[in-house]
PDB file of all heavy atoms in Angstrom:
ATOM      1  N   THR A   1      66.362 121.329  39.520  1.00  0.00           N
ATOM      2  CA  THR A   1      65.835 120.629  38.340  1.00  0.00           C
ATOM      3  C   THR A   1      66.733 120.965  37.152  1.00  0.00           C
ATOM      4  O   THR A   1      66.993 122.149  36.873  1.00  0.00           O
ATOM      5  CB  THR A   1      64.383 121.042  38.056  1.00  0.00           C
ATOM      6  OG1 THR A   1      63.581 120.625  39.173  1.00  0.00           O
ATOM      7  CG2 THR A   1      63.851 120.364  36.795  1.00  0.00           C
ATOM      8  N   ILE A   2      67.204 119.929  36.491  1.00  0.00           N
ATOM      9  CA  ILE A   2      68.143 120.087  35.381  1.00  0.00           C
ATOM     10  C   ILE A   2      67.382 119.772  34.094  1.00  0.00           C
ATOM     11  O   ILE A   2      66.958 118.637  33.870  1.00  0.00           O
ATOM     12  CB  ILE A   2      69.347 119.147  35.591  1.00  0.00           C
ATOM     13  CG1 ILE A   2      70.048 119.511  36.915  1.00  0.00           C
ATOM     14  CG2 ILE A   2      70.319 119.236  34.430  1.00  0.00           C
ATOM     15  CD1 ILE A   2      71.037 118.492  37.409  1.00  0.00           C
ATOM     16  N   ASN A   3      67.168 120.812  33.269  1.00  0.00           N
ATOM     17  CA  ASN A   3      66.335 120.688  32.065  1.00  0.00           C
ATOM     18  C   ASN A   3      67.173 120.411  30.814  1.00  0.00           C
ATOM     19  O   ASN A   3      68.376 120.640  30.801  1.00  0.00           O
ATOM     20  CB  ASN A   3      65.532 121.975  31.850  1.00  0.00           C
ATOM     21  CG  ASN A   3      64.535 122.207  32.971  1.00  0.00           C
ATOM     22  OD1 ASN A   3      63.884 121.283  33.439  1.00  0.00           O
ATOM     23  ND2 ASN A   3      64.434 123.447  33.425  1.00  0.00           N
ATOM     24  N   ASN A   4      66.472 119.972  29.757  1.00  0.00           N
ATOM     25  CA  ASN A   4      67.100 119.647  28.470  1.00  0.00           C
ATOM     26  C   ASN A   4      68.142 118.546  28.639  1.00  0.00           C
ATOM     27  O   ASN A   4      69.303 118.704  28.284  1.00  0.00           O
ATOM     28  CB  ASN A   4      67.729 120.889  27.813  1.00  0.00           C
ATOM     29  CG  ASN A   4      68.272 120.572  26.410  1.00  0.00           C
ATOM     30  OD1 ASN A   4      67.770 119.686  25.730  1.00  0.00           O
ATOM     31  ND2 ASN A   4      69.331 121.259  26.011  1.00  0.00           N
ATOM     32  N   VAL A   5      67.710 117.415  29.220  1.00  0.00           N
ATOM     33  CA  VAL A   5      68.593 116.254  29.333  1.00  0.00           C
ATOM     34  C   VAL A   5      67.864 115.016  28.790  1.00  0.00           C
ATOM     35  O   VAL A   5      66.654 115.044  28.582  1.00  0.00           O
ATOM     36  CB  VAL A   5      69.023 115.969  30.795  1.00  0.00           C
ATOM     37  CG1 VAL A   5      69.812 117.128  31.368  1.00  0.00           C
ATOM     38  CG2 VAL A   5      67.823 115.647  31.682  1.00  0.00           C
ATOM     39  N   ILE A   6      68.623 113.946  28.562  1.00  0.00           N
ATOM     40  CA  ILE A   6      68.037 112.647  28.236  1.00  0.00           C
ATOM     41  C   ILE A   6      68.317 111.760  29.454  1.00  0.00           C
ATOM     42  O   ILE A   6      69.459 111.292  29.626  1.00  0.00           O
ATOM     43  CB  ILE A   6      68.660 112.068  26.941  1.00  0.00           C
ATOM     44  CG1 ILE A   6      68.398 113.022  25.758  1.00  0.00           C
ATOM     45  CG2 ILE A   6      68.101 110.677  26.647  1.00  0.00           C
ATOM     46  CD1 ILE A   6      69.121 112.656  24.477  1.00  0.00           C
ATOM     47  N   PRO A   7      67.315 111.564  30.339  1.00  0.00           N
ATOM     48  CA  PRO A   7      67.571 110.851  31.603  1.00  0.00           C
ATOM     49  C   PRO A   7      68.239 109.483  31.423  1.00  0.00           C
ATOM     50  O   PRO A   7      69.053 109.081  32.249  1.00  0.00           O
ATOM     51  CB  PRO A   7      66.174 110.719  32.220  1.00  0.00           C
ATOM     52  CG  PRO A   7      65.424 111.908  31.692  1.00  0.00           C
ATOM     53  CD  PRO A   7      65.924 112.086  30.285  1.00  0.00           C
ATOM     54  N   LYS A   8      67.921 108.806  30.326  1.00  0.00           N
ATOM     55  CA  LYS A   8      68.529 107.487  30.061  1.00  0.00           C
ATOM     56  C   LYS A   8      70.059 107.575  30.049  1.00  0.00           C
ATOM     57  O   LYS A   8      70.752 106.676  30.527  1.00  0.00           O
ATOM     58  CB  LYS A   8      68.007 106.980  28.702  1.00  0.00           C
ATOM     59  CG  LYS A   8      68.599 105.678  28.242  1.00  0.00           C
ATOM     60  CD  LYS A   8      67.604 104.526  28.400  1.00  0.00           C
ATOM     61  CE  LYS A   8      68.255 103.184  28.195  1.00  0.00           C
ATOM     62  NZ  LYS A   8      68.368 102.349  29.346  1.00  0.00           N
ATOM     63  N   HIS A   9      70.603 108.663  29.504  1.00  0.00           N
ATOM     64  CA  HIS A   9      72.057 108.823  29.415  1.00  0.00           C
ATOM     65  C   HIS A   9      72.691 109.038  30.790  1.00  0.00           C
ATOM     66  O   HIS A   9      73.913 108.937  30.931  1.00  0.00           O
ATOM     67  CB  HIS A   9      72.415 110.021  28.520  1.00  0.00           C
ATOM     68  CG  HIS A   9      72.036 109.822  27.086  1.00  0.00           C
ATOM     69  ND1 HIS A   9      72.046 110.847  26.162  1.00  0.00           N
ATOM     70  CD2 HIS A   9      71.628 108.712  26.415  1.00  0.00           C
ATOM     71  CE1 HIS A   9      71.659 110.378  24.989  1.00  0.00           C
ATOM     72  NE2 HIS A   9      71.396 109.087  25.115  1.00  0.00           N
ATOM     73  N   LEU A  10      71.864 109.378  31.779  1.00  0.00           N
ATOM     74  CA  LEU A  10      72.385 109.750  33.106  1.00  0.00           C
ATOM     75  C   LEU A  10      72.214 108.640  34.134  1.00  0.00           C
ATOM     76  O   LEU A  10      72.522 108.829  35.305  1.00  0.00           O
ATOM     77  CB  LEU A  10      71.667 111.015  33.598  1.00  0.00           C
ATOM     78  CG  LEU A  10      71.726 112.220  32.647  1.00  0.00           C
ATOM     79  CD1 LEU A  10      70.789 113.315  33.103  1.00  0.00           C
ATOM     80  CD2 LEU A  10      73.147 112.746  32.526  1.00  0.00           C
ATOM     81  N   GLU A  11      71.733 107.469  33.686  1.00  0.00           N
ATOM     82  CA  GLU A  11      71.340 106.426  34.642  1.00  0.00           C
ATOM     83  C   GLU A  11      72.474 105.982  35.560  1.00  0.00           C
ATOM     84  O   GLU A  11      72.272 105.752  36.749  1.00  0.00           O
ATOM     85  CB  GLU A  11      70.740 105.221  33.911  1.00  0.00           C
ATOM     86  CG  GLU A  11      69.278 105.473  33.537  1.00  0.00           C
ATOM     87  CD  GLU A  11      68.664 104.370  32.684  1.00  0.00           C
ATOM     88  OE1 GLU A  11      69.391 103.438  32.280  1.00  0.00           O
ATOM     89  OE2 GLU A  11      67.450 104.443  32.426  1.00  0.00           O
ATOM     90  N   SER A  12      73.697 105.848  35.014  1.00  0.00           N
ATOM     91  CA  SER A  12      74.806 105.365  35.854  1.00  0.00           C
ATOM     92  C   SER A  12      75.135 106.382  36.953  1.00  0.00           C
ATOM     93  O   SER A  12      75.520 106.007  38.066  1.00  0.00           O
ATOM     94  CB  SER A  12      76.052 105.100  35.002  1.00  0.00           C
ATOM     95  OG  SER A  12      76.491 106.293  34.383  1.00  0.00           O
ATOM     96  N   ILE A  13      74.960 107.663  36.652  1.00  0.00           N
ATOM     97  CA  ILE A  13      75.230 108.721  37.641  1.00  0.00           C
ATOM     98  C   ILE A  13      74.083 108.776  38.652  1.00  0.00           C
ATOM     99  O   ILE A  13      74.314 108.814  39.871  1.00  0.00           O
ATOM    100  CB  ILE A  13      75.400 110.091  36.931  1.00  0.00           C
ATOM    101  CG1 ILE A  13      76.500 109.999  35.866  1.00  0.00           C
ATOM    102  CG2 ILE A  13      75.699 111.201  37.937  1.00  0.00           C
ATOM    103  CD1 ILE A  13      76.478 111.097  34.832  1.00  0.00           C
ATOM    104  N   SER A  14      72.845 108.739  38.142  1.00  0.00           N
ATOM    105  CA  SER A  14      71.661 108.748  39.030  1.00  0.00           C
ATOM    106  C   SER A  14      71.738 107.599  40.031  1.00  0.00           C
ATOM    107  O   SER A  14      71.493 107.779  41.229  1.00  0.00           O
ATOM    108  CB  SER A  14      70.371 108.602  38.212  1.00  0.00           C
ATOM    109  OG  SER A  14      70.258 109.644  37.281  1.00  0.00           O
ATOM    110  N   ALA A  15      72.097 106.411  39.538  1.00  0.00           N
ATOM    111  CA  ALA A  15      72.128 105.218  40.396  1.00  0.00           C
ATOM    112  C   ALA A  15      73.105 105.407  41.557  1.00  0.00           C
ATOM    113  O   ALA A  15      72.810 105.042  42.705  1.00  0.00           O
ATOM    114  CB  ALA A  15      72.514 103.992  39.572  1.00  0.00           C
ATOM    115  N   LYS A  16      74.271 105.990  41.284  1.00  0.00           N
ATOM    116  CA  LYS A  16      75.270 106.200  42.348  1.00  0.00           C
ATOM    117  C   LYS A  16      74.786 107.238  43.362  1.00  0.00           C
ATOM    118  O   LYS A  16      74.976 107.081  44.565  1.00  0.00           O
ATOM    119  CB  LYS A  16      76.615 106.647  41.753  1.00  0.00           C
ATOM    120  CG  LYS A  16      77.460 105.507  41.243  1.00  0.00           C
ATOM    121  CD  LYS A  16      77.876 104.549  42.360  1.00  0.00           C
ATOM    122  CE  LYS A  16      78.313 103.209  41.814  1.00  0.00           C
ATOM    123  NZ  LYS A  16      78.417 102.164  42.839  1.00  0.00           N
ATOM    124  N   LEU A  17      74.169 108.316  42.874  1.00  0.00           N
ATOM    125  CA  LEU A  17      73.686 109.359  43.798  1.00  0.00           C
ATOM    126  C   LEU A  17      72.574 108.802  44.690  1.00  0.00           C
ATOM    127  O   LEU A  17      72.508 109.113  45.885  1.00  0.00           O
ATOM    128  CB  LEU A  17      73.206 110.587  43.008  1.00  0.00           C
ATOM    129  CG  LEU A  17      74.312 111.358  42.269  1.00  0.00           C
ATOM    130  CD1 LEU A  17      73.719 112.508  41.464  1.00  0.00           C
ATOM    131  CD2 LEU A  17      75.376 111.887  43.233  1.00  0.00           C
ATOM    132  N   ILE A  18      71.714 107.957  44.115  1.00  0.00           N
ATOM    133  CA  ILE A  18      70.640 107.335  44.908  1.00  0.00           C
ATOM    134  C   ILE A  18      71.258 106.401  45.963  1.00  0.00           C
ATOM    135  O   ILE A  18      70.862 106.396  47.127  1.00  0.00           O
ATOM    136  CB  ILE A  18      69.654 106.575  43.986  1.00  0.00           C
ATOM    137  CG1 ILE A  18      68.859 107.589  43.146  1.00  0.00           C
ATOM    138  CG2 ILE A  18      68.714 105.681  44.787  1.00  0.00           C
ATOM    139  CD1 ILE A  18      68.105 106.991  41.964  1.00  0.00           C
ATOM    140  N   GLU A  19      72.277 105.636  45.533  1.00  0.00           N
ATOM    141  CA  GLU A  19      72.975 104.728  46.461  1.00  0.00           C
ATOM    142  C   GLU A  19      73.601 105.512  47.624  1.00  0.00           C
ATOM    143  O   GLU A  19      73.664 105.030  48.756  1.00  0.00           O
ATOM    144  CB  GLU A  19      74.068 103.969  45.683  1.00  0.00           C
ATOM    145  CG  GLU A  19      74.748 102.860  46.459  1.00  0.00           C
ATOM    146  CD  GLU A  19      75.898 102.221  45.661  1.00  0.00           C
ATOM    147  OE1 GLU A  19      75.882 102.253  44.416  1.00  0.00           O
ATOM    148  OE2 GLU A  19      76.827 101.704  46.300  1.00  0.00           O
ATOM    149  N   MET A  20      74.024 106.740  47.358  1.00  0.00           N
ATOM    150  CA  MET A  20      74.652 107.569  48.394  1.00  0.00           C
ATOM    151  C   MET A  20      73.633 108.194  49.345  1.00  0.00           C
ATOM    152  O   MET A  20      73.993 108.684  50.409  1.00  0.00           O
ATOM    153  CB  MET A  20      75.487 108.677  47.737  1.00  0.00           C
ATOM    154  CG  MET A  20      76.680 108.146  46.964  1.00  0.00           C
ATOM    155  SD  MET A  20      77.559 109.455  46.101  1.00  0.00           S
ATOM    156  CE  MET A  20      78.392 110.253  47.484  1.00  0.00           C
ATOM    157  N   GLY A  21      72.357 108.226  48.910  1.00  0.00           N
ATOM    158  CA  GLY A  21      71.329 108.786  49.792  1.00  0.00           C
ATOM    159  C   GLY A  21      70.653 110.031  49.261  1.00  0.00           C
ATOM    160  O   GLY A  21      69.817 110.632  49.935  1.00  0.00           O
ATOM    161  N   ALA A  22      71.004 110.453  48.046  1.00  0.00           N
ATOM    162  CA  ALA A  22      70.317 111.605  47.436  1.00  0.00           C
ATOM    163  C   ALA A  22      69.042 111.103  46.762  1.00  0.00           C
ATOM    164  O   ALA A  22      68.871 109.908  46.544  1.00  0.00           O
ATOM    165  CB  ALA A  22      71.219 112.284  46.414  1.00  0.00           C
ATOM    166  N   GLU A  23      68.159 112.038  46.416  1.00  0.00           N
ATOM    167  CA  GLU A  23      66.927 111.669  45.713  1.00  0.00           C
ATOM    168  C   GLU A  23      67.033 112.159  44.275  1.00  0.00           C
ATOM    169  O   GLU A  23      67.405 113.317  44.034  1.00  0.00           O
ATOM    170  CB  GLU A  23      65.738 112.333  46.417  1.00  0.00           C
ATOM    171  CG  GLU A  23      64.409 111.697  46.098  1.00  0.00           C
ATOM    172  CD  GLU A  23      63.234 112.390  46.812  1.00  0.00           C
ATOM    173  OE1 GLU A  23      63.431 112.986  47.893  1.00  0.00           O
ATOM    174  OE2 GLU A  23      62.128 112.351  46.255  1.00  0.00           O
ATOM    175  N   VAL A  24      66.745 111.281  43.325  1.00  0.00           N
ATOM    176  CA  VAL A  24      66.788 111.654  41.903  1.00  0.00           C
ATOM    177  C   VAL A  24      65.438 111.324  41.290  1.00  0.00           C
ATOM    178  O   VAL A  24      64.990 110.180  41.323  1.00  0.00           O
ATOM    179  CB  VAL A  24      67.899 110.888  41.148  1.00  0.00           C
ATOM    180  CG1 VAL A  24      67.927 111.310  39.679  1.00  0.00           C
ATOM    181  CG2 VAL A  24      69.267 111.116  41.796  1.00  0.00           C
ATOM    182  N   ILE A  25      64.764 112.352  40.755  1.00  0.00           N
ATOM    183  CA  ILE A  25      63.451 112.143  40.142  1.00  0.00           C
ATOM    184  C   ILE A  25      63.591 112.399  38.640  1.00  0.00           C
ATOM    185  O   ILE A  25      63.971 113.495  38.215  1.00  0.00           O
ATOM    186  CB  ILE A  25      62.400 113.113  40.749  1.00  0.00           C
ATOM    187  CG1 ILE A  25      62.319 112.885  42.263  1.00  0.00           C
ATOM    188  CG2 ILE A  25      61.035 112.922  40.105  1.00  0.00           C
ATOM    189  CD1 ILE A  25      61.988 114.121  43.045  1.00  0.00           C
ATOM    190  N   GLU A  26      63.276 111.370  37.844  1.00  0.00           N
ATOM    191  CA  GLU A  26      63.377 111.497  36.382  1.00  0.00           C
ATOM    192  C   GLU A  26      62.046 111.946  35.801  1.00  0.00           C
ATOM    193  O   GLU A  26      61.002 111.398  36.140  1.00  0.00           O
ATOM    194  CB  GLU A  26      63.763 110.151  35.758  1.00  0.00           C
ATOM    195  CG  GLU A  26      65.184 109.729  36.043  1.00  0.00           C
ATOM    196  CD  GLU A  26      65.592 108.476  35.274  1.00  0.00           C
ATOM    197  OE1 GLU A  26      64.773 107.974  34.467  1.00  0.00           O
ATOM    198  OE2 GLU A  26      66.719 108.013  35.483  1.00  0.00           O
ATOM    199  N   ASN A  27      62.091 112.952  34.943  1.00  0.00           N
ATOM    200  CA  ASN A  27      60.906 113.367  34.189  1.00  0.00           C
ATOM    201  C   ASN A  27      61.209 113.136  32.707  1.00  0.00           C
ATOM    202  O   ASN A  27      62.235 112.562  32.382  1.00  0.00           O
ATOM    203  CB  ASN A  27      60.603 114.838  34.479  1.00  0.00           C
ATOM    204  CG  ASN A  27      60.569 115.087  35.989  1.00  0.00           C
ATOM    205  OD1 ASN A  27      59.849 114.416  36.704  1.00  0.00           O
ATOM    206  ND2 ASN A  27      61.375 116.021  36.483  1.00  0.00           N
ATOM    207  N   GLY A  28      60.355 113.607  31.825  1.00  0.00           N
ATOM    208  CA  GLY A  28      60.565 113.359  30.389  1.00  0.00           C
ATOM    209  C   GLY A  28      61.914 113.833  29.895  1.00  0.00           C
ATOM    210  O   GLY A  28      62.734 113.048  29.415  1.00  0.00           O
ATOM    211  N   ASP A  29      62.163 115.143  30.012  1.00  0.00           N
ATOM    212  CA  ASP A  29      63.450 115.666  29.542  1.00  0.00           C
ATOM    213  C   ASP A  29      64.135 116.493  30.632  1.00  0.00           C
ATOM    214  O   ASP A  29      64.827 117.468  30.358  1.00  0.00           O
ATOM    215  CB  ASP A  29      63.267 116.500  28.261  1.00  0.00           C
ATOM    216  CG  ASP A  29      62.320 117.666  28.475  1.00  0.00           C
ATOM    217  OD1 ASP A  29      61.786 117.795  29.591  1.00  0.00           O
ATOM    218  OD2 ASP A  29      62.120 118.446  27.520  1.00  0.00           O
ATOM    219  N   SER A  30      63.912 116.076  31.883  1.00  0.00           N
ATOM    220  CA  SER A  30      64.613 116.746  32.989  1.00  0.00           C
ATOM    221  C   SER A  30      64.821 115.758  34.132  1.00  0.00           C
ATOM    222  O   SER A  30      64.166 114.718  34.188  1.00  0.00           O
ATOM    223  CB  SER A  30      63.799 117.953  33.484  1.00  0.00           C
ATOM    224  OG  SER A  30      62.621 117.511  34.135  1.00  0.00           O
ATOM    225  N   VAL A  31      65.764 116.086  35.018  1.00  0.00           N
ATOM    226  CA  VAL A  31      65.918 115.327  36.269  1.00  0.00           C
ATOM    227  C   VAL A  31      65.978 116.327  37.420  1.00  0.00           C
ATOM    228  O   VAL A  31      66.512 117.431  37.265  1.00  0.00           O
ATOM    229  CB  VAL A  31      67.185 114.432  36.309  1.00  0.00           C
ATOM    230  CG1 VAL A  31      67.096 113.274  35.349  1.00  0.00           C
ATOM    231  CG2 VAL A  31      68.442 115.234  36.067  1.00  0.00           C
ATOM    232  N   THR A  32      65.395 115.937  38.542  1.00  0.00           N
ATOM    233  CA  THR A  32      65.442 116.780  39.745  1.00  0.00           C
ATOM    234  C   THR A  32      66.261 116.048  40.809  1.00  0.00           C
ATOM    235  O   THR A  32      66.049 114.863  41.053  1.00  0.00           O
ATOM    236  CB  THR A  32      64.020 117.057  40.274  1.00  0.00           C
ATOM    237  OG1 THR A  32      63.283 117.729  39.249  1.00  0.00           O
ATOM    238  CG2 THR A  32      64.060 117.935  41.518  1.00  0.00           C
ATOM    239  N   ILE A  33      67.197 116.776  41.407  1.00  0.00           N
ATOM    240  CA  ILE A  33      68.043 116.212  42.466  1.00  0.00           C
ATOM    241  C   ILE A  33      67.680 116.894  43.779  1.00  0.00           C
ATOM    242  O   ILE A  33      67.624 118.127  43.838  1.00  0.00           O
ATOM    243  CB  ILE A  33      69.548 116.483  42.202  1.00  0.00           C
ATOM    244  CG1 ILE A  33      69.918 116.211  40.754  1.00  0.00           C
ATOM    245  CG2 ILE A  33      70.435 115.700  43.166  1.00  0.00           C
ATOM    246  CD1 ILE A  33      69.814 114.799  40.328  1.00  0.00           C
ATOM    247  N   LYS A  34      67.430 116.074  44.815  1.00  0.00           N
ATOM    248  CA  LYS A  34      67.211 116.618  46.159  1.00  0.00           C
ATOM    249  C   LYS A  34      68.249 115.998  47.087  1.00  0.00           C
ATOM    250  O   LYS A  34      68.484 114.788  47.032  1.00  0.00           O
ATOM    251  CB  LYS A  34      65.816 116.250  46.675  1.00  0.00           C
ATOM    252  CG  LYS A  34      64.664 116.841  45.901  1.00  0.00           C
ATOM    253  CD  LYS A  34      63.335 116.418  46.510  1.00  0.00           C
ATOM    254  CE  LYS A  34      62.165 116.892  45.670  1.00  0.00           C
ATOM    255  NZ  LYS A  34      60.876 116.403  46.190  1.00  0.00           N
ATOM    256  N   SER A  35      68.866 116.837  47.922  1.00  0.00           N
ATOM    257  CA  SER A  35      69.909 116.315  48.816  1.00  0.00           C
ATOM    258  C   SER A  35      69.917 117.086  50.128  1.00  0.00           C
ATOM    259  O   SER A  35      69.756 118.306  50.146  1.00  0.00           O
ATOM    260  CB  SER A  35      71.274 116.454  48.134  1.00  0.00           C
ATOM    261  OG  SER A  35      72.313 116.285  49.070  1.00  0.00           O
ATOM    262  N   ASN A  36      70.101 116.333  51.232  1.00  0.00           N
ATOM    263  CA  ASN A  36      70.267 117.001  52.537  1.00  0.00           C
ATOM    264  C   ASN A  36      71.731 116.964  52.964  1.00  0.00           C
ATOM    265  O   ASN A  36      72.055 117.204  54.122  1.00  0.00           O
ATOM    266  CB  ASN A  36      69.374 116.330  53.593  1.00  0.00           C
ATOM    267  CG  ASN A  36      69.751 114.861  53.783  1.00  0.00           C
ATOM    268  OD1 ASN A  36      70.720 114.374  53.182  1.00  0.00           O
ATOM    269  ND2 ASN A  36      68.998 114.144  54.605  1.00  0.00           N
ATOM    270  N   LYS A  37      72.617 116.625  52.023  1.00  0.00           N
ATOM    271  CA  LYS A  37      74.077 116.567  52.220  1.00  0.00           C
ATOM    272  C   LYS A  37      74.536 115.398  53.091  1.00  0.00           C
ATOM    273  O   LYS A  37      75.720 115.198  53.285  1.00  0.00           O
ATOM    274  CB  LYS A  37      74.621 117.869  52.832  1.00  0.00           C
ATOM    275  CG  LYS A  37      74.443 119.067  51.947  1.00  0.00           C
ATOM    276  CD  LYS A  37      75.462 120.149  52.197  1.00  0.00           C
ATOM    277  CE  LYS A  37      75.534 120.651  53.610  1.00  0.00           C
ATOM    278  NZ  LYS A  37      76.361 121.840  53.742  1.00  0.00           N
ATOM    279  N   ASN A  38      73.588 114.639  53.645  1.00  0.00           N
ATOM    280  CA  ASN A  38      73.965 113.552  54.553  1.00  0.00           C
ATOM    281  C   ASN A  38      74.165 112.278  53.731  1.00  0.00           C
ATOM    282  O   ASN A  38      73.333 111.384  53.741  1.00  0.00           O
ATOM    283  CB  ASN A  38      72.846 113.383  55.599  1.00  0.00           C
ATOM    284  CG  ASN A  38      73.260 112.448  56.702  1.00  0.00           C
ATOM    285  OD1 ASN A  38      74.445 112.137  56.843  1.00  0.00           O
ATOM    286  ND2 ASN A  38      72.296 111.973  57.466  1.00  0.00           N
TER     287      ASN A  38
END
């Protein structure tokens, strides 16, 4: 979980990671990344 962020600013990066198969969960001022490396 990555705290003290503005998720809106990270959308282009989140979108690519999701496209690759990672999980990105946006909260108010944090994002959580889950990955099984596959």
